[in-house]
């Protein structure tokens, strides 16, 4: 195996330069502040977890987990999501805390992908979990908070598609009973948004024409309140009916939140993780091929940690949002450069301290051999690749000479 070159990084990993980091941190602060305003309290979990607990429960396939051994020979994993670690904490450190729990987080996540374009092995998520509330109102709160969080992040044009895994499961159980492999193939097509492949799979199955048309019709079930009414007529399966009733109640609450203009019902939505048990959703920004937010209900996960409880939540892909926003401009507010010589140092540093106390960003530079004054243009000053709003110069030696000449 060839030795990596000195500047190479592992596939899927990135360096973030100062301008990008400034914007990333701004997004993080703004979104966490929004979540705090809804009553969600931030927590932090370890980057490393045990494979036999969080790794297994995460629902990320083994092939996508980064694994390593500790000094005892135990298998550890880099966290591949935040939902499973938070489920562990809720069932242990927060075991005595009453439900409902509203928790938020911001963290880096690791998943090992094949060398595919646009897939990061390390990425950032900011999200929430609402644990202990099984109601449609809880799901609606999560979707409404996702809308508010995307707006707080600076995303202005987006749509959130919501669905329910119970509807598709009930419909497939009704139309393809005891045909698990065929059901899995159809689900895989929907998960990958491969609608051509979905129709092809239907044509290959031995189905009565009305059943094939019924299964193909779900591709049209995208829209508003009217989709619920159409879906209720499509299947008589009790699970499918109950799922649609739940989704109708979620939609009604979203109307009351005033966010339904950002939401559409999409009954082909089944979620990217197997632990989803109810409503799922994905948020798409305009002109971006990947979802920038996703979430849903996972009522069975916490039982794996010994504290069964319903739960729902979502995560924003913060680094994908960063790609949507311009971050070349200065985001640090007022920035001042102070230059000084040896005699003017005390005065210069005192002034820098005063300005910093007022919230101004201040950079100090000792003048000497090689010091080049900043270039002034359009009312700003450029020095060392950075633009400053103001420039102060403290020539203490010149002041002393001028005073002595007087």
Protein backbone atom coordinates (compact mmCIF):
# COMPACT_ATOMS: atom_id res chain seq x y z
CA UNK A 1 0.00 0.00 0.00
CA UNK A 2 1.40 3.39 -1.02
CA UNK A 3 2.36 5.79 1.74
CA UNK A 4 0.05 8.85 1.74
CA UNK A 5 1.56 12.11 0.58
CA UNK A 6 2.28 14.68 3.25
CA UNK A 7 -0.71 16.88 2.31
CA UNK A 8 -3.21 14.07 1.76
CA UNK A 9 -6.26 13.45 3.97
CA UNK A 10 -8.35 10.27 4.27
CA UNK A 11 -11.19 10.12 1.75
CA UNK A 12 -14.32 11.97 2.86
CA UNK A 13 -12.58 14.24 5.39
CA UNK A 14 -12.18 17.99 5.05
CA UNK A 15 -10.22 20.92 6.38
CA UNK A 16 -12.33 23.97 7.22
CA UNK A 17 -10.59 27.31 6.81
CA UNK A 18 -11.29 30.28 9.12
CA UNK A 19 -13.99 31.91 6.99
CA UNK A 20 -15.92 28.64 6.73
CA UNK A 21 -15.48 27.90 10.45
CA UNK A 22 -16.79 31.35 11.34
CA UNK A 23 -19.95 30.73 9.33
CA UNK A 24 -20.30 27.15 10.61
CA UNK A 25 -20.12 28.36 14.22
CA UNK A 26 -22.60 31.13 13.45
CA UNK A 27 -25.06 28.60 12.06
CA UNK A 28 -24.53 26.40 15.12
CA UNK A 29 -25.08 29.26 17.57
CA UNK A 30 -28.17 30.58 15.79
CA UNK A 31 -29.79 27.16 15.49
CA UNK A 32 -29.03 26.10 19.08
CA UNK A 33 -30.42 29.44 20.27
CA UNK A 34 -33.60 28.74 18.30
CA UNK A 35 -33.87 25.27 19.82
CA UNK A 36 -33.29 26.67 23.31
CA UNK A 37 -36.18 29.04 22.74
CA UNK A 38 -38.41 26.00 22.26
CA UNK A 39 -37.25 24.52 25.59
CA UNK A 40 -34.57 22.10 24.32
CA UNK A 41 -31.49 21.78 26.53
CA UNK A 42 -28.12 21.04 24.99
CA UNK A 43 -26.06 17.98 25.88
CA UNK A 44 -22.76 16.43 24.75
CA UNK A 45 -21.93 12.74 24.40
CA UNK A 46 -18.54 11.06 23.76
CA UNK A 47 -17.10 10.77 20.28
CA UNK A 48 -16.31 7.11 21.02
CA UNK A 49 -18.93 4.57 22.10
CA UNK A 50 -18.98 0.83 22.66
CA UNK A 51 -19.87 -1.14 19.55
CA UNK A 52 -21.96 -3.66 21.53
CA UNK A 53 -24.26 -0.92 22.86
CA UNK A 54 -24.52 2.27 20.83
CA UNK A 55 -22.86 0.83 17.72
CA UNK A 56 -25.39 -1.99 17.42
CA UNK A 57 -28.35 0.23 18.30
CA UNK A 58 -27.42 3.00 15.88
CA UNK A 59 -28.98 1.22 12.87
CA UNK A 60 -25.95 2.20 10.80
CA UNK A 61 -24.71 -0.84 8.92
CA UNK A 62 -21.44 -2.40 10.07
CA UNK A 63 -19.83 -1.48 6.76
CA UNK A 64 -20.40 2.21 7.52
CA UNK A 65 -19.03 2.18 11.09
CA UNK A 66 -15.52 3.29 11.98
CA UNK A 67 -14.30 0.66 14.47
CA UNK A 68 -11.21 0.46 16.66
CA UNK A 69 -10.00 -1.55 19.64
CA UNK A 70 -9.10 -0.16 23.06
CA UNK A 71 -6.25 -1.52 25.21
CA UNK A 72 -8.58 -4.19 26.62
CA UNK A 73 -9.50 -5.51 23.21
CA UNK A 74 -13.04 -4.10 23.33
CA UNK A 75 -14.50 -2.81 20.07
CA UNK A 76 -15.32 0.90 20.00
CA UNK A 77 -16.99 2.96 17.29
CA UNK A 78 -16.90 6.59 16.29
CA UNK A 79 -20.49 7.78 16.74
CA UNK A 80 -22.45 7.40 13.52
CA UNK A 81 -25.47 9.39 14.74
CA UNK A 82 -26.57 11.15 17.93
CA UNK A 83 -29.93 9.47 18.48
CA UNK A 84 -28.54 6.21 19.88
CA UNK A 85 -26.05 7.93 22.27
CA UNK A 86 -28.83 10.16 23.59
CA UNK A 87 -31.07 7.10 24.05
CA UNK A 88 -28.26 5.60 26.15
CA UNK A 89 -28.04 8.72 28.32
CA UNK A 90 -31.83 8.99 28.72
CA UNK A 91 -31.88 5.38 29.96
CA UNK A 92 -28.96 5.81 32.37
CA UNK A 93 -27.89 9.25 33.64
CA UNK A 94 -31.40 10.69 33.09
CA UNK A 95 -33.27 7.57 34.21
CA UNK A 96 -34.79 9.36 37.21
CA UNK A 97 -35.89 12.37 35.14
CA UNK A 98 -39.56 12.48 34.24
CA UNK A 99 -40.79 12.56 30.66
CA UNK A 100 -41.10 14.39 28.40
CA UNK A 101 -37.43 15.26 27.84
CA UNK A 102 -36.38 17.88 25.32
CA UNK A 103 -32.69 17.63 24.41
CA UNK A 104 -30.55 19.32 21.74
CA UNK A 105 -27.03 18.77 20.47
CA UNK A 106 -24.36 19.77 17.99
CA UNK A 107 -21.73 17.18 17.10
CA UNK A 108 -19.48 15.72 14.45
CA UNK A 109 -20.63 12.36 13.07
CA UNK A 110 -18.59 9.67 11.33
CA UNK A 111 -19.70 7.18 8.67
CA UNK A 112 -17.51 5.15 6.34
CA UNK A 113 -18.80 5.48 2.79
CA UNK A 114 -17.50 4.17 -0.47
CA UNK A 115 -15.65 6.79 -2.48
CA UNK A 116 -18.83 8.43 -3.75
CA UNK A 117 -19.06 12.02 -4.90
CA UNK A 118 -20.48 14.34 -2.30
CA UNK A 119 -20.42 11.90 0.62
CA UNK A 120 -18.50 13.00 3.71
CA UNK A 121 -16.99 10.52 6.18
CA UNK A 122 -17.14 13.22 8.87
CA UNK A 123 -19.94 15.76 9.00
CA UNK A 124 -21.77 17.98 11.47
CA UNK A 125 -25.28 17.64 12.84
CA UNK A 126 -27.38 19.95 14.97
CA UNK A 127 -30.59 18.42 16.23
CA UNK A 128 -33.12 17.63 18.93
CA UNK A 129 -34.82 14.65 20.53
CA UNK A 130 -38.24 14.79 22.20
CA UNK A 131 -38.53 11.71 24.41
CA UNK A 132 -41.62 10.42 26.19
CA UNK A 133 -44.45 11.89 24.12
CA UNK A 134 -46.24 9.60 21.60
CA UNK A 135 -48.75 12.18 20.37
CA UNK A 136 -49.16 13.70 16.91
CA UNK A 137 -48.56 17.06 18.62
CA UNK A 138 -45.01 15.96 19.47
CA UNK A 139 -44.33 15.05 15.84
CA UNK A 140 -45.79 18.36 14.71
CA UNK A 141 -43.60 20.22 17.21
CA UNK A 142 -40.51 18.52 15.78
CA UNK A 143 -41.44 19.42 12.19
CA UNK A 144 -42.32 23.00 13.15
CA UNK A 145 -39.02 23.34 15.03
CA UNK A 146 -37.17 22.00 11.97
CA UNK A 147 -38.78 24.77 9.92
CA UNK A 148 -37.77 27.38 12.52
CA UNK A 149 -34.23 25.97 12.72
CA UNK A 150 -33.70 26.06 8.96
CA UNK A 151 -34.82 29.67 8.94
CA UNK A 152 -32.48 30.44 11.86
CA UNK A 153 -29.63 28.87 9.89
CA UNK A 154 -30.27 31.27 7.03
CA UNK A 155 -32.00 28.84 4.64
CA UNK A 156 -34.84 30.79 3.05
CA UNK A 157 -36.17 28.44 0.36
CA UNK A 158 -36.91 24.86 1.37
CA UNK A 159 -39.60 22.18 1.57
CA UNK A 160 -40.15 19.50 4.16
CA UNK A 161 -41.70 16.23 2.96
CA UNK A 162 -43.43 14.15 5.65
CA UNK A 163 -44.60 10.56 5.46
CA UNK A 164 -45.37 7.61 7.71
CA UNK A 165 -43.62 4.23 7.60
CA UNK A 166 -46.76 2.54 8.92
CA UNK A 167 -48.77 3.46 5.83
CA UNK A 168 -46.43 1.80 3.35
CA UNK A 169 -45.94 -1.21 5.63
CA UNK A 170 -49.69 -1.69 5.99
CA UNK A 171 -50.29 -1.25 2.26
CA UNK A 172 -47.58 -3.77 1.33
CA UNK A 173 -48.77 -6.27 3.94
CA UNK A 174 -52.23 -6.00 2.43
CA UNK A 175 -51.20 -6.28 -1.22
CA UNK A 176 -48.07 -8.48 -0.93
CA UNK A 177 -48.72 -10.72 2.11
CA UNK A 178 -45.81 -12.99 3.12
CA UNK A 179 -43.61 -11.60 0.32
CA UNK A 180 -40.90 -9.94 2.41
CA UNK A 181 -38.23 -10.01 -0.26
CA UNK A 182 -40.49 -8.33 -2.81
CA UNK A 183 -41.54 -5.76 -0.21
CA UNK A 184 -37.88 -5.01 0.59
CA UNK A 185 -37.07 -4.48 -3.08
CA UNK A 186 -39.90 -2.00 -3.48
CA UNK A 187 -38.91 -0.17 -0.29
CA UNK A 188 -35.31 0.05 -1.49
CA UNK A 189 -36.45 1.73 -4.70
CA UNK A 190 -38.54 4.27 -2.77
CA UNK A 191 -35.72 4.96 -0.33
CA UNK A 192 -33.40 5.69 -3.23
CA UNK A 193 -36.05 7.77 -5.02
CA UNK A 194 -35.77 5.35 -7.93
CA UNK A 195 -39.34 5.59 -9.19
CA UNK A 196 -38.46 4.08 -12.57
CA UNK A 197 -36.99 1.08 -10.77
CA UNK A 198 -40.06 0.91 -8.54
CA UNK A 199 -42.38 0.66 -11.54
CA UNK A 200 -40.09 -1.92 -13.12
CA UNK A 201 -40.20 -4.03 -9.95
CA UNK A 202 -44.00 -3.88 -10.00
CA UNK A 203 -44.08 -5.08 -13.60
CA UNK A 204 -41.93 -8.07 -12.70
CA UNK A 205 -44.27 -9.19 -9.91
CA UNK A 206 -47.22 -11.47 -10.58
CA UNK A 207 -49.94 -9.04 -9.56
CA UNK A 208 -53.53 -8.46 -10.53
CA UNK A 209 -53.86 -5.28 -12.51
CA UNK A 210 -55.83 -3.41 -9.85
CA UNK A 211 -53.18 -4.28 -7.23
CA UNK A 212 -50.36 -3.07 -9.48
CA UNK A 213 -52.23 0.18 -10.14
CA UNK A 214 -52.86 0.59 -6.42
CA UNK A 215 -49.15 0.21 -5.61
CA UNK A 216 -48.15 2.51 -8.44
CA UNK A 217 -50.67 5.12 -7.36
CA UNK A 218 -48.71 5.89 -4.18
CA UNK A 219 -46.14 7.69 -6.35
CA UNK A 220 -48.81 10.35 -6.87
CA UNK A 221 -49.53 10.80 -3.19
CA UNK A 222 -47.65 14.06 -2.72
CA UNK A 223 -49.36 17.27 -1.67
CA UNK A 224 -51.40 18.74 1.17
CA UNK A 225 -54.40 17.73 3.26
CA UNK A 226 -56.09 16.12 0.25
CA UNK A 227 -53.40 13.39 0.19
CA UNK A 228 -54.62 12.08 3.53
CA UNK A 229 -58.12 11.75 2.15
CA UNK A 230 -56.90 9.93 -0.95
CA UNK A 231 -54.70 7.56 1.07
CA UNK A 232 -57.60 6.59 3.37
CA UNK A 233 -59.45 5.29 0.30
CA UNK A 234 -56.42 3.45 -1.06
CA UNK A 235 -55.98 0.86 1.70
CA UNK A 236 -58.32 -0.76 4.22
CA UNK A 237 -55.41 -2.15 6.25
CA UNK A 238 -55.83 -1.00 9.86
CA UNK A 239 -52.14 -0.12 10.25
CA UNK A 240 -52.23 1.98 7.10
CA UNK A 241 -55.45 3.68 8.20
CA UNK A 242 -54.10 4.45 11.68
CA UNK A 243 -50.92 5.88 10.15
CA UNK A 244 -52.89 8.23 7.92
CA UNK A 245 -55.08 9.37 10.80
CA UNK A 246 -51.92 10.18 12.78
CA UNK A 247 -50.47 12.07 9.82
CA UNK A 248 -53.70 14.03 9.38
CA UNK A 249 -53.47 15.19 13.00
CA UNK A 250 -49.85 16.20 12.49
CA UNK A 251 -50.85 18.21 9.42
CA UNK A 252 -53.68 19.96 11.30
CA UNK A 253 -51.21 21.00 14.03
CA UNK A 254 -48.72 22.27 11.45
CA UNK A 255 -51.46 24.46 10.00
CA UNK A 256 -51.97 25.91 13.49
CA UNK A 257 -48.20 26.47 13.79
CA UNK A 258 -48.41 28.48 10.57
CA UNK A 259 -45.74 26.42 8.79
CA UNK A 260 -47.80 24.24 6.43
CA UNK A 261 -46.64 26.32 3.44
CA UNK A 262 -43.20 24.75 3.94
CA UNK A 263 -44.53 21.18 4.26
CA UNK A 264 -45.93 18.60 1.87
CA UNK A 265 -47.18 15.08 2.51
CA UNK A 266 -45.22 12.42 0.62
CA UNK A 267 -46.36 8.87 1.32
CA UNK A 268 -43.36 7.37 -0.47
CA UNK A 269 -41.23 8.74 2.40
CA UNK A 270 -39.98 5.83 4.53
CA UNK A 271 -36.90 7.25 6.28
CA UNK A 272 -33.25 6.28 5.99
CA UNK A 273 -33.01 4.30 9.24
CA UNK A 274 -34.68 1.04 10.20
CA UNK A 275 -35.48 2.26 13.71
CA UNK A 276 -38.14 4.69 12.45
CA UNK A 277 -41.59 3.50 13.49
CA UNK A 278 -43.96 6.32 12.53
CA UNK A 279 -43.81 9.74 10.93
CA UNK A 280 -40.61 10.52 9.01
CA UNK A 281 -39.55 13.63 7.14
CA UNK A 282 -36.79 15.17 5.06
CA UNK A 283 -36.06 18.83 4.40
CA UNK A 284 -34.74 19.89 1.01
CA UNK A 285 -33.32 23.31 0.19
CA UNK A 286 -33.76 24.73 -3.29
CA UNK A 287 -31.03 23.74 -5.75
CA UNK A 288 -29.49 21.16 -3.40
CA UNK A 289 -29.65 17.47 -4.20
CA UNK A 290 -29.20 16.13 -0.67
CA UNK A 291 -31.56 16.61 2.29
CA UNK A 292 -30.39 19.28 4.72
CA UNK A 293 -32.58 17.98 7.57
CA UNK A 294 -34.27 14.69 8.39
CA UNK A 295 -36.00 13.02 11.28
CA UNK A 296 -38.94 11.02 12.51
CA UNK A 297 -40.45 8.88 15.22
CA UNK A 298 -38.52 5.95 16.73
CA UNK A 299 -40.64 4.41 19.48
CA UNK A 300 -38.66 1.16 19.87
CA UNK A 301 -35.07 2.37 20.20
CA UNK A 302 -35.00 3.17 23.90
CA UNK A 303 -36.18 -0.32 24.84
CA UNK A 304 -32.75 -1.56 23.69
CA UNK A 305 -31.29 0.42 26.59
CA UNK A 306 -33.80 -0.80 29.18
CA UNK A 307 -36.13 2.20 29.35
CA UNK A 308 -38.92 1.81 26.78
CA UNK A 309 -40.32 5.16 25.70
CA UNK A 310 -41.73 6.82 22.57
CA UNK A 311 -39.47 9.40 20.97
CA UNK A 312 -39.20 11.68 17.97
CA UNK A 313 -36.53 14.06 16.70
CA UNK A 314 -34.57 15.47 13.80
CA UNK A 315 -31.06 16.45 12.77
CA UNK A 316 -29.84 19.23 10.49
CA UNK A 317 -26.85 18.57 8.26
CA UNK A 318 -24.97 21.71 9.26
CA UNK A 319 -22.11 21.35 6.79
CA UNK A 320 -24.58 20.93 3.90
CA UNK A 321 -26.27 24.15 4.97
CA UNK A 322 -22.85 25.77 4.97
CA UNK A 323 -22.51 24.82 1.29
CA UNK A 324 -25.75 26.69 0.54
CA UNK A 325 -24.66 29.94 2.12
CA UNK A 326 -21.94 32.33 1.01
CA UNK A 327 -19.27 32.58 3.67
CA UNK A 328 -16.55 34.63 2.00
CA UNK A 329 -17.76 37.83 3.61
CA UNK A 330 -16.58 38.92 7.05
CA UNK A 331 -18.93 37.56 9.73
CA UNK A 332 -17.02 38.68 12.80
CA UNK A 333 -18.48 42.19 13.22
CA UNK A 334 -16.21 45.17 13.83
CA UNK A 335 -12.51 44.29 13.52
CA UNK A 336 -9.67 46.70 14.38
CA UNK A 337 -5.93 46.50 13.71
CA UNK A 338 -3.60 48.21 16.20
CA UNK A 339 0.08 48.67 15.33
CA UNK A 340 2.68 49.92 17.82
CA UNK A 341 6.38 50.36 18.42
CA UNK A 342 8.23 49.55 21.65
CA UNK A 343 7.59 52.91 23.21
CA UNK A 344 3.88 52.87 22.31
CA UNK A 345 3.20 49.29 23.41
CA UNK A 346 1.63 50.05 26.80
CA UNK A 347 -0.79 52.59 25.31
CA UNK A 348 -1.61 50.30 22.38
CA UNK A 349 -2.32 47.22 24.52
CA UNK A 350 -4.46 49.29 26.91
CA UNK A 351 -6.52 50.51 23.95
CA UNK A 352 -6.85 46.95 22.63
CA UNK A 353 -8.10 45.79 26.02
CA UNK A 354 -10.64 48.60 26.15
CA UNK A 355 -12.01 47.81 22.68
CA UNK A 356 -12.21 44.05 23.36
CA UNK A 357 -14.23 44.78 26.48
CA UNK A 358 -16.72 46.51 24.17
CA UNK A 359 -16.99 43.40 22.00
CA UNK A 360 -14.68 44.55 19.21
CA UNK A 361 -12.28 42.07 17.61
CA UNK A 362 -8.77 43.52 17.91
CA UNK A 363 -5.50 42.31 16.38
CA UNK A 364 -2.23 43.88 17.60
CA UNK A 365 1.00 44.01 15.56
CA UNK A 366 4.47 45.18 16.61
CA UNK A 367 5.92 47.59 14.05
CA UNK A 368 9.45 46.88 12.98
CA UNK A 369 11.54 45.69 10.10
CA UNK A 370 9.25 44.20 7.48
CA UNK A 371 6.06 45.79 8.82
CA UNK A 372 3.96 47.15 5.96
CA UNK A 373 1.05 49.43 6.86
CA UNK A 374 -2.36 48.14 5.79
CA UNK A 375 -3.76 49.11 2.41
CA UNK A 376 -6.80 51.37 2.65
CA UNK A 377 -9.70 50.95 0.21
CA UNK A 378 -13.43 51.68 0.40
CA UNK A 379 -13.15 52.79 4.00
CA UNK A 380 -11.53 49.53 5.13
CA UNK A 381 -7.98 48.34 5.74
CA UNK A 382 -6.46 45.13 4.35
CA UNK A 383 -3.54 43.56 6.18
CA UNK A 384 -2.20 40.00 5.99
CA UNK A 385 -5.17 38.73 4.00
CA UNK A 386 -7.72 40.10 6.50
CA UNK A 387 -9.99 43.12 6.12
CA UNK A 388 -10.28 45.48 9.11
CA UNK A 389 -12.87 48.16 9.71
CA UNK A 390 -10.36 50.50 11.40
CA UNK A 391 -6.61 50.94 11.95
CA UNK A 392 -4.85 52.62 14.91
CA UNK A 393 -1.14 53.35 15.06
CA UNK A 394 0.76 54.03 18.29
CA UNK A 395 4.19 55.49 17.51
CA UNK A 396 5.38 56.06 21.05
CA UNK A 397 8.95 56.88 20.03
CA UNK A 398 7.83 59.58 17.57
CA UNK A 399 5.62 61.09 20.26
CA UNK A 400 8.52 61.22 22.71
CA UNK A 401 10.77 62.87 20.11
CA UNK A 402 8.07 65.40 19.26
CA UNK A 403 7.54 66.19 22.95
CA UNK A 404 11.28 66.68 23.55
CA UNK A 405 11.56 69.03 20.54
CA UNK A 406 8.85 71.20 22.02
